Amino acid sequence: MAWNYLYLLVAIFFEVLATTALKETQGFTRLAPSLVTVAGYGLAFYFLSLPLRTMPVGIVYALWCGAGIIMITAIGWVWFRQQLDLPALVGMGLIMAGVVVINLFSKTVVH
């Protein structure tokens, strides 16, 4: 089971990398960030497919999306200087709470 979470973390890393690079592609008109985006998403989906062999798709996708949203939002705030208002911060907190609840209390995830 530990390998599934490692694969999921790697998938999240590549998804966050690809999404960050996607902003820099300027509509896929810049080659280097475009290549990073395509390669990053390819690797993200490959590593995302590995835990799906034994874990429920809804749980894997919820964890992947939740962590990705939080990390991309943090990168947008720090790197791109994008502002976050109170509703955005509350929403991020709710997403984080959902990920924690799934991991700690759901019987769907085998620990």
N, C-alpha and C. Protein backbone atom coordinates (compact mmCIF):
# COMPACT_ATOMS: atom_id res chain seq x y z
N MET A 1 0.82 -1.20 0.00
CA MET A 1 0.00 0.00 0.00
C MET A 1 0.86 1.26 0.00
N ALA A 2 2.01 1.20 0.65
CA ALA A 2 2.89 2.37 0.70
C ALA A 2 3.33 2.78 -0.71
N TRP A 3 3.56 1.79 -1.58
CA TRP A 3 3.95 2.10 -2.96
C TRP A 3 2.85 2.89 -3.66
N ASN A 4 1.59 2.57 -3.39
CA ASN A 4 0.49 3.30 -4.02
C ASN A 4 0.54 4.78 -3.68
N TYR A 5 0.82 5.08 -2.42
CA TYR A 5 0.90 6.48 -2.02
C TYR A 5 2.14 7.15 -2.59
N LEU A 6 3.23 6.43 -2.72
CA LEU A 6 4.42 6.99 -3.36
C LEU A 6 4.13 7.31 -4.82
N TYR A 7 3.50 6.36 -5.53
CA TYR A 7 3.13 6.61 -6.93
C TYR A 7 2.19 7.80 -7.04
N LEU A 8 1.26 7.90 -6.11
CA LEU A 8 0.32 9.02 -6.13
C LEU A 8 1.04 10.34 -5.89
N LEU A 9 1.98 10.35 -4.98
CA LEU A 9 2.77 11.58 -4.74
C LEU A 9 3.56 11.97 -5.98
N VAL A 10 4.14 11.00 -6.65
CA VAL A 10 4.90 11.29 -7.88
C VAL A 10 3.95 11.83 -8.96
N ALA A 11 2.76 11.23 -9.06
CA ALA A 11 1.77 11.70 -10.03
C ALA A 11 1.37 13.15 -9.72
N ILE A 12 1.17 13.45 -8.46
CA ILE A 12 0.81 14.82 -8.06
C ILE A 12 1.94 15.78 -8.40
N PHE A 13 3.18 15.37 -8.13
CA PHE A 13 4.32 16.23 -8.46
C PHE A 13 4.33 16.57 -9.95
N PHE A 14 4.20 15.56 -10.81
CA PHE A 14 4.24 15.82 -12.25
C PHE A 14 3.03 16.62 -12.72
N GLU A 15 1.88 16.41 -12.12
CA GLU A 15 0.69 17.19 -12.49
C GLU A 15 0.88 18.65 -12.12
N VAL A 16 1.42 18.91 -10.95
CA VAL A 16 1.66 20.28 -10.51
C VAL A 16 2.73 20.94 -11.39
N LEU A 17 3.77 20.21 -11.71
CA LEU A 17 4.81 20.72 -12.61
C LEU A 17 4.21 21.07 -13.97
N ALA A 18 3.42 20.16 -14.51
CA ALA A 18 2.83 20.38 -15.84
C ALA A 18 1.86 21.55 -15.83
N THR A 19 1.05 21.66 -14.80
CA THR A 19 0.09 22.76 -14.74
C THR A 19 0.79 24.10 -14.56
N THR A 20 1.85 24.12 -13.77
CA THR A 20 2.63 25.35 -13.61
C THR A 20 3.26 25.75 -14.95
N ALA A 21 3.82 24.78 -15.66
CA ALA A 21 4.41 25.06 -16.97
C ALA A 21 3.35 25.49 -17.98
N LEU A 22 2.14 24.94 -17.84
CA LEU A 22 1.05 25.28 -18.77
C LEU A 22 0.78 26.78 -18.79
N LYS A 23 0.85 27.41 -17.63
CA LYS A 23 0.64 28.87 -17.58
C LYS A 23 1.70 29.60 -18.39
N GLU A 24 2.89 29.04 -18.44
CA GLU A 24 4.00 29.69 -19.15
C GLU A 24 4.04 29.38 -20.66
N THR A 25 3.18 28.49 -21.14
CA THR A 25 3.21 28.13 -22.56
C THR A 25 2.69 29.24 -23.46
N GLN A 26 1.90 30.15 -22.87
CA GLN A 26 1.24 31.22 -23.64
C GLN A 26 0.49 30.63 -24.83
N GLY A 27 -0.42 29.70 -24.50
CA GLY A 27 -1.22 29.07 -25.55
C GLY A 27 -0.43 28.11 -26.42
N PHE A 28 0.54 27.45 -25.83
CA PHE A 28 1.43 26.51 -26.53
C PHE A 28 2.21 27.18 -27.66
N THR A 29 2.56 28.45 -27.45
CA THR A 29 3.39 29.16 -28.43
C THR A 29 4.86 29.19 -28.01
N ARG A 30 5.16 28.74 -26.80
CA ARG A 30 6.54 28.67 -26.32
C ARG A 30 6.92 27.20 -26.17
N LEU A 31 8.00 26.81 -26.83
CA LEU A 31 8.36 25.40 -26.94
C LEU A 31 8.73 24.74 -25.61
N ALA A 32 9.66 25.32 -24.87
CA ALA A 32 10.15 24.67 -23.65
C ALA A 32 9.04 24.41 -22.63
N PRO A 33 8.25 25.41 -22.25
CA PRO A 33 7.18 25.10 -21.30
C PRO A 33 6.12 24.16 -21.88
N SER A 34 5.93 24.20 -23.19
CA SER A 34 4.98 23.28 -23.83
C SER A 34 5.46 21.84 -23.71
N LEU A 35 6.75 21.62 -23.91
CA LEU A 35 7.31 20.27 -23.78
C LEU A 35 7.23 19.78 -22.33
N VAL A 36 7.51 20.67 -21.38
CA VAL A 36 7.40 20.32 -19.97
C VAL A 36 5.95 19.96 -19.63
N THR A 37 5.01 20.71 -20.17
CA THR A 37 3.59 20.45 -19.91
C THR A 37 3.17 19.08 -20.44
N VAL A 38 3.49 18.80 -21.69
CA VAL A 38 3.09 17.52 -22.29
C VAL A 38 3.76 16.34 -21.58
N ALA A 39 5.07 16.45 -21.34
CA ALA A 39 5.78 15.37 -20.66
C ALA A 39 5.28 15.21 -19.22
N GLY A 40 5.05 16.32 -18.55
CA GLY A 40 4.58 16.26 -17.17
C GLY A 40 3.23 15.60 -17.04
N TYR A 41 2.29 15.95 -17.93
CA TYR A 41 0.98 15.31 -17.87
C TYR A 41 1.07 13.83 -18.24
N GLY A 42 1.91 13.50 -19.20
CA GLY A 42 2.09 12.08 -19.55
C GLY A 42 2.59 11.28 -18.36
N LEU A 43 3.61 11.79 -17.68
CA LEU A 43 4.14 11.10 -16.51
C LEU A 43 3.13 11.10 -15.36
N ALA A 44 2.41 12.19 -15.20
CA ALA A 44 1.40 12.26 -14.14
C ALA A 44 0.34 11.18 -14.33
N PHE A 45 -0.16 11.04 -15.54
CA PHE A 45 -1.19 10.03 -15.79
C PHE A 45 -0.64 8.61 -15.69
N TYR A 46 0.60 8.43 -16.08
CA TYR A 46 1.20 7.10 -15.92
C TYR A 46 1.25 6.72 -14.44
N PHE A 47 1.83 7.61 -13.62
CA PHE A 47 1.96 7.30 -12.21
C PHE A 47 0.60 7.28 -11.51
N LEU A 48 -0.37 8.04 -12.01
CA LEU A 48 -1.72 7.98 -11.46
C LEU A 48 -2.36 6.62 -11.74
N SER A 49 -2.01 6.01 -12.85
CA SER A 49 -2.60 4.72 -13.20
C SER A 49 -2.13 3.59 -12.29
N LEU A 50 -0.98 3.73 -11.68
CA LEU A 50 -0.43 2.65 -10.87
C LEU A 50 -1.23 2.37 -9.60
N PRO A 51 -1.58 3.36 -8.79
CA PRO A 51 -2.40 3.04 -7.62
C PRO A 51 -3.82 2.61 -7.99
N LEU A 52 -4.26 2.93 -9.19
CA LEU A 52 -5.60 2.53 -9.61
C LEU A 52 -5.73 1.03 -9.81
N ARG A 53 -4.60 0.33 -9.84
CA ARG A 53 -4.65 -1.13 -9.95
C ARG A 53 -5.29 -1.76 -8.72
N THR A 54 -5.13 -1.13 -7.56
CA THR A 54 -5.63 -1.73 -6.33
C THR A 54 -6.51 -0.81 -5.48
N MET A 55 -6.52 0.49 -5.78
CA MET A 55 -7.31 1.45 -4.99
C MET A 55 -8.52 1.91 -5.79
N PRO A 56 -9.59 2.29 -5.11
CA PRO A 56 -10.78 2.79 -5.80
C PRO A 56 -10.49 4.08 -6.57
N VAL A 57 -11.01 4.19 -7.77
CA VAL A 57 -10.74 5.33 -8.64
C VAL A 57 -11.20 6.64 -8.00
N GLY A 58 -12.33 6.64 -7.34
CA GLY A 58 -12.83 7.86 -6.72
C GLY A 58 -11.92 8.39 -5.63
N ILE A 59 -11.37 7.49 -4.84
CA ILE A 59 -10.48 7.89 -3.76
C ILE A 59 -9.16 8.41 -4.33
N VAL A 60 -8.59 7.69 -5.26
CA VAL A 60 -7.32 8.11 -5.88
C VAL A 60 -7.49 9.48 -6.53
N TYR A 61 -8.58 9.64 -7.27
CA TYR A 61 -8.79 10.90 -7.98
C TYR A 61 -9.05 12.04 -7.01
N ALA A 62 -9.79 11.78 -5.93
CA ALA A 62 -10.04 12.81 -4.93
C ALA A 62 -8.75 13.28 -4.28
N LEU A 63 -7.88 12.34 -3.94
CA LEU A 63 -6.61 12.71 -3.33
C LEU A 63 -5.73 13.47 -4.32
N TRP A 64 -5.69 12.98 -5.57
CA TRP A 64 -4.88 13.62 -6.60
C TRP A 64 -5.36 15.05 -6.86
N CYS A 65 -6.64 15.20 -7.03
CA CYS A 65 -7.20 16.53 -7.31
C CYS A 65 -7.03 17.47 -6.12
N GLY A 66 -7.37 16.97 -4.94
CA GLY A 66 -7.29 17.82 -3.75
C GLY A 66 -5.88 18.34 -3.52
N ALA A 67 -4.92 17.44 -3.55
CA ALA A 67 -3.53 17.85 -3.33
C ALA A 67 -3.05 18.76 -4.46
N GLY A 68 -3.42 18.43 -5.69
CA GLY A 68 -3.02 19.26 -6.83
C GLY A 68 -3.59 20.67 -6.75
N ILE A 69 -4.86 20.78 -6.37
CA ILE A 69 -5.49 22.10 -6.25
C ILE A 69 -4.78 22.94 -5.20
N ILE A 70 -4.52 22.35 -4.06
CA ILE A 70 -3.85 23.08 -2.98
C ILE A 70 -2.46 23.53 -3.42
N MET A 71 -1.70 22.62 -4.03
CA MET A 71 -0.33 22.97 -4.43
C MET A 71 -0.30 24.00 -5.55
N ILE A 72 -1.19 23.85 -6.54
CA ILE A 72 -1.23 24.83 -7.64
C ILE A 72 -1.65 26.21 -7.12
N THR A 73 -2.60 26.23 -6.21
CA THR A 73 -3.02 27.50 -5.63
C THR A 73 -1.87 28.15 -4.87
N ALA A 74 -1.13 27.36 -4.11
CA ALA A 74 0.02 27.89 -3.38
C ALA A 74 1.09 28.43 -4.34
N ILE A 75 1.34 27.69 -5.41
CA ILE A 75 2.32 28.16 -6.41
C ILE A 75 1.82 29.44 -7.08
N GLY A 76 0.54 29.49 -7.41
CA GLY A 76 -0.02 30.70 -8.00
C GLY A 76 0.12 31.90 -7.08
N TRP A 77 -0.07 31.67 -5.80
CA TRP A 77 0.02 32.75 -4.81
C TRP A 77 1.47 33.22 -4.65
N VAL A 78 2.42 32.28 -4.54
CA VAL A 78 3.82 32.63 -4.30
C VAL A 78 4.53 33.03 -5.59
N TRP A 79 4.44 32.19 -6.61
CA TRP A 79 5.23 32.38 -7.83
C TRP A 79 4.64 33.44 -8.76
N PHE A 80 3.32 33.37 -8.96
CA PHE A 80 2.66 34.27 -9.91
C PHE A 80 2.00 35.47 -9.24
N ARG A 81 2.14 35.56 -7.91
CA ARG A 81 1.59 36.69 -7.15
C ARG A 81 0.07 36.84 -7.31
N GLN A 82 -0.61 35.72 -7.43
CA GLN A 82 -2.07 35.74 -7.54
C GLN A 82 -2.67 35.84 -6.13
N GLN A 83 -3.62 36.72 -5.98
CA GLN A 83 -4.21 36.98 -4.68
C GLN A 83 -5.27 35.95 -4.32
N LEU A 84 -5.39 35.65 -3.03
CA LEU A 84 -6.41 34.76 -2.52
C LEU A 84 -7.28 35.53 -1.53
N ASP A 85 -8.60 35.49 -1.74
CA ASP A 85 -9.50 36.14 -0.80
C ASP A 85 -9.97 35.13 0.24
N LEU A 86 -10.77 35.60 1.19
CA LEU A 86 -11.22 34.73 2.27
C LEU A 86 -11.99 33.51 1.77
N PRO A 87 -12.94 33.65 0.82
CA PRO A 87 -13.63 32.44 0.34
C PRO A 87 -12.67 31.43 -0.30
N ALA A 88 -11.64 31.90 -0.98
CA ALA A 88 -10.66 30.98 -1.57
C ALA A 88 -9.91 30.23 -0.48
N LEU A 89 -9.51 30.93 0.57
CA LEU A 89 -8.80 30.30 1.67
C LEU A 89 -9.69 29.31 2.41
N VAL A 90 -10.95 29.66 2.61
CA VAL A 90 -11.89 28.73 3.26
C VAL A 90 -12.06 27.49 2.39
N GLY A 91 -12.22 27.67 1.09
CA GLY A 91 -12.35 26.55 0.18
C GLY A 91 -11.14 25.63 0.21
N MET A 92 -9.95 26.21 0.25
CA MET A 92 -8.72 25.41 0.34
C MET A 92 -8.71 24.61 1.64
N GLY A 93 -9.13 25.25 2.72
CA GLY A 93 -9.21 24.55 4.00
C GLY A 93 -10.17 23.38 3.95
N LEU A 94 -11.31 23.57 3.28
CA LEU A 94 -12.29 22.48 3.15
C LEU A 94 -11.74 21.34 2.30
N ILE A 95 -11.00 21.67 1.25
CA ILE A 95 -10.39 20.62 0.43
C ILE A 95 -9.38 19.83 1.26
N MET A 96 -8.55 20.54 2.02
CA MET A 96 -7.57 19.85 2.86
C MET A 96 -8.27 18.98 3.90
N ALA A 97 -9.34 19.49 4.48
CA ALA A 97 -10.10 18.70 5.46
C ALA A 97 -10.67 17.45 4.81
N GLY A 98 -11.15 17.56 3.58
CA GLY A 98 -11.68 16.41 2.88
C GLY A 98 -10.63 15.34 2.64
N VAL A 99 -9.45 15.75 2.26
CA VAL A 99 -8.35 14.80 2.04
C VAL A 99 -7.99 14.10 3.35
N VAL A 100 -7.95 14.85 4.44
CA VAL A 100 -7.64 14.25 5.75
C VAL A 100 -8.73 13.27 6.15
N VAL A 101 -10.00 13.64 5.99
CA VAL A 101 -11.11 12.76 6.36
C VAL A 101 -11.05 11.46 5.55
N ILE A 102 -10.81 11.57 4.26
CA ILE A 102 -10.72 10.37 3.43
C ILE A 102 -9.62 9.45 3.94
N ASN A 103 -8.45 10.02 4.21
CA ASN A 103 -7.32 9.20 4.62
C ASN A 103 -7.43 8.63 6.02
N LEU A 104 -8.03 9.36 6.93
CA LEU A 104 -8.09 8.90 8.31
C LEU A 104 -9.32 8.06 8.64
N PHE A 105 -10.45 8.35 8.01
CA PHE A 105 -11.69 7.75 8.45
C PHE A 105 -12.41 6.87 7.44
N SER A 106 -12.08 6.99 6.17
CA SER A 106 -12.79 6.22 5.16
C SER A 106 -12.39 4.75 5.21
N LYS A 107 -13.37 3.90 5.21
CA LYS A 107 -13.10 2.45 5.13
C LYS A 107 -12.85 2.02 3.69
N THR A 108 -13.07 2.95 2.76
CA THR A 108 -12.82 2.66 1.35
C THR A 108 -11.33 2.54 1.09
N VAL A 109 -10.53 3.32 1.82
CA VAL A 109 -9.08 3.27 1.68
C VAL A 109 -8.56 2.23 2.66
N VAL A 110 -7.88 1.24 2.14
CA VAL A 110 -7.31 0.20 2.99
C VAL A 110 -5.96 0.69 3.49
N HIS A 111 -5.80 0.73 4.80
CA HIS A 111 -4.54 1.20 5.42
C HIS A 111 -3.70 0.04 5.85
